[in-house]
Amino acid sequence: MDEKAEKIIQKITEETDKNKEQILNEIEELQEKLGGFVTEEGAANILAKNNGVSIERDEPDVNKLLIEDISEGMSNIDIVGRVTRAFEPTTFQRKDGSKGKVANIVLKDKTGEIKTVLWGKMTKLITEGELERGVPVRFEKVYVRDGQDGSNEIHVNARTEVEPYTDDERAEDLPQVSDTKTKLAELNPESEYVDVIGRVTSVSEPKEFERADKSTGKVANIRIMDNSGRTRVSLWDDKTEIAESLEEGDSVLIENATVKEGYKDSIELSVNRRSRVVENPQTEESNQLPEFEKKKLKIEDIEPDLPTVDLAARVQRTTSPNEFTREDGSSGRVMNVILGDETGTIRASFWSDMVDTGKKLSSGDILLIENANSSKGMRDQPEIRVNQRTNLEINPENLEIEEPESEMVRISDIEPGLDSIEIVGRVIDKSEINEFEKDEGETGKVGSVNIGDESGTIRATLWEEKSKIIEKLEKGDIIKIKNAYSVAGNYGGPEIQVEERGEISKNPQIEKELPPVDEINENVSDLSRVEVEEAEEGSQIKIRGTIVKIFKRKPIFNVCPNCGRNLGKEDSENVCENCEETVTPDHRAVVNLIVDDGTDSIRVVAFAELAEKILGKTAEEISNSLTGGLETSEIYEDIEAEGKEIIAGGTVQKDDYFDQLELRAQEIEFPNPLEETKRILEELETEPENI
């Protein structure tokens, strides 16, 4: 034992009731606890302080350490490492109300990496550029804590001595840090942080939103490209200020961005308070970025929330304009146009004066759109918004657009909101061709056919010239429909619409034979008594069972009267995010049931008139009751649904959220005991004698 330690031990024995042997044992325990890195003198100093003995030297001596040597509880240590990542300082509020600052860096040596936390004035080492990526640094008099993730952290405060660009001998063995930025095409969601450099191709304005804790946040989006690809970057809160100064064509260096999965499994970047963004960095990598060139997008390239959309597409169909009244009493107009190219179809909404241009469009026109923007629409699909700042050109010269290819689907796979679909089915029955008066006073024609395949049946409505084929069709004929689209029918199920651009052929050559009409009808009839345990996704069935539960949720939802979007809540006034207007909503009823037939149970969802049939009230009556103060649970008190028998027919779908099958009802019946008895007797009469 050295002389300094002996003197400290002597003083402890003089001022306490401990003997030398006890003190030596405690010194040994301290050294063992601190991993053997504290000298005997240092441990003796700590022991003296713990026992109230004042020693002239109150700082323990420690060995110079490597990162792998560090353990929780060490203090006054000396460490050397290279900065591999530096995060921007953040401000926090202390318990006494005062504000403080904290910043993080990551240190690396030949044995590993460790997070290093800088407090107070020490954060200036980052803001003033002393501690940057790649800088070797020595910290003296730092301490070690256990971090939130359970790993060790070095903490740097005002008493720490810092030596950037240190020439300490340990710096000679420090590994170099690569300054190569991650290519956009190589982004991986498993990466914790990445550094990228790219050229700005679009910038959105910051938007405010409300968090779950009712606080307000902000977000802005930019899109960047490099020589390998493109990606979207979300800027959060204070970082949205960057979007206000950026322009298309600028270059940006982004450090400490996080990687996440975005729209259609694409890879996106998120920039928050820990990230650093440098606008137009003067680096060789920046100079090598591709030049920004504005180009027209293909429909498959369009995502929600693009601030700028330039597109050339062919008009598939248009809808009639809708007029609505804003909260301030002013009136507005909107109409929808379905556009297509060889990559797909998309809905475009035309607003205000742009409706006048939309009304001039006809199916087949080529439309050049510049300076539109996109948003999230039906089924979370992107939609284009055409407003006053958008430039439109109809049928420009020397511009050809290919038609979207229709996609062949089975009838059971059709859901509302599909475009450019192709169906083959056998005619089960047909309607007469009816005439109707249009808004302009002209006369139109419409008819319908019910068709079926091996998976189910569906109604197809044929408009104008397309309805003429109905006169030539007979029950059992096969028809092939191309370029149709689907909508929600009266009971929430899908129906097919065939307009000008649709194609219908009678008895075409088909690859797979369809069942005859009798078999299709027999299948439908057989399915009317399918047991719940036999229900399969995509099938059209009928079940008979007992309502064992009715979910007493709000039995109504609101839709925008202008665009038909679900507003998601029941208030007297609602904001339609799609229209960006406060609207007086239309009401739709909805009921969720659990039906059990003894073999299994299934959720049954009924909309509109079917839901009203179960509830015994119209959607408007329900809305008025709720507005008048009636509780949601009271809506269900009088109907006494639980325990009732029910027959429900419709399409079986998979609810991804609950990971279970549900029956989307297209018809609802409450069995009549006499009719049921008659049906059972008829079945018994037709059974074979040997059964």
Foldseek 3Di string as FASTA:
>chain_A
DDPLLVVLLVQCVVVDVDDSVVLVVQLVVVCVVQQNFFDSNLSSLVVCVVVVHDDPDNHTDGDADEPVSHDAPDWQHKYKFFWAAWFQKDWDADPVGDIWIKTWTWGFFPVGIAIEMETHPRSVCVVVVVHDHFKIKMKGGWHWHQDPVRDIYIYDYDVIDMDINDPPPRVVRGDGHDPDFDAQVPDDQVDQFGKHKFFWAAWAQKDWDADPVRDIKIWIKIKTHFPPGIAIEIEIHPRSVVSVPDDGFKMKIKTGWHWDQDDPRRIHTYDYNGMDMDIRDPDPRNVRGDGHDDDADAPVPDAAFGQWHWHKWFWAAWDDKDKAAFPVGDIWIKIWTWTHFQVGIAIEIEIHPSVVVVVPDDGGKIKTKTRWHWHQDPPRGIHTYHYDVMDIDIRDPPDDGHGYAADEDAPLPDFADDWFHKYKFFFLDWDDWDWDADPVRDIWIKIWTWTHFPFAIAIEIEIHPRCVCVVVDDGFKMKMKGGWHWHQDQWRGIHIYAYDPMDMDIRDDDDDDGDTNVVNVVVAVVQLDDAPVPDDASHWHKHKFFFADKPLDQFKWWAAPRPRHTQGDQDCWGQDPVVRGIHRTDMKGKIWTWGHHPVDIAIEITIHPVRCVQLVHHRVVSSVCVVVPDDSNVSRPPRPRGGFMKMFIAGWHADVVVRGIHGSGPDIDRDDVVVVVVVVVVVVVPDDPVD
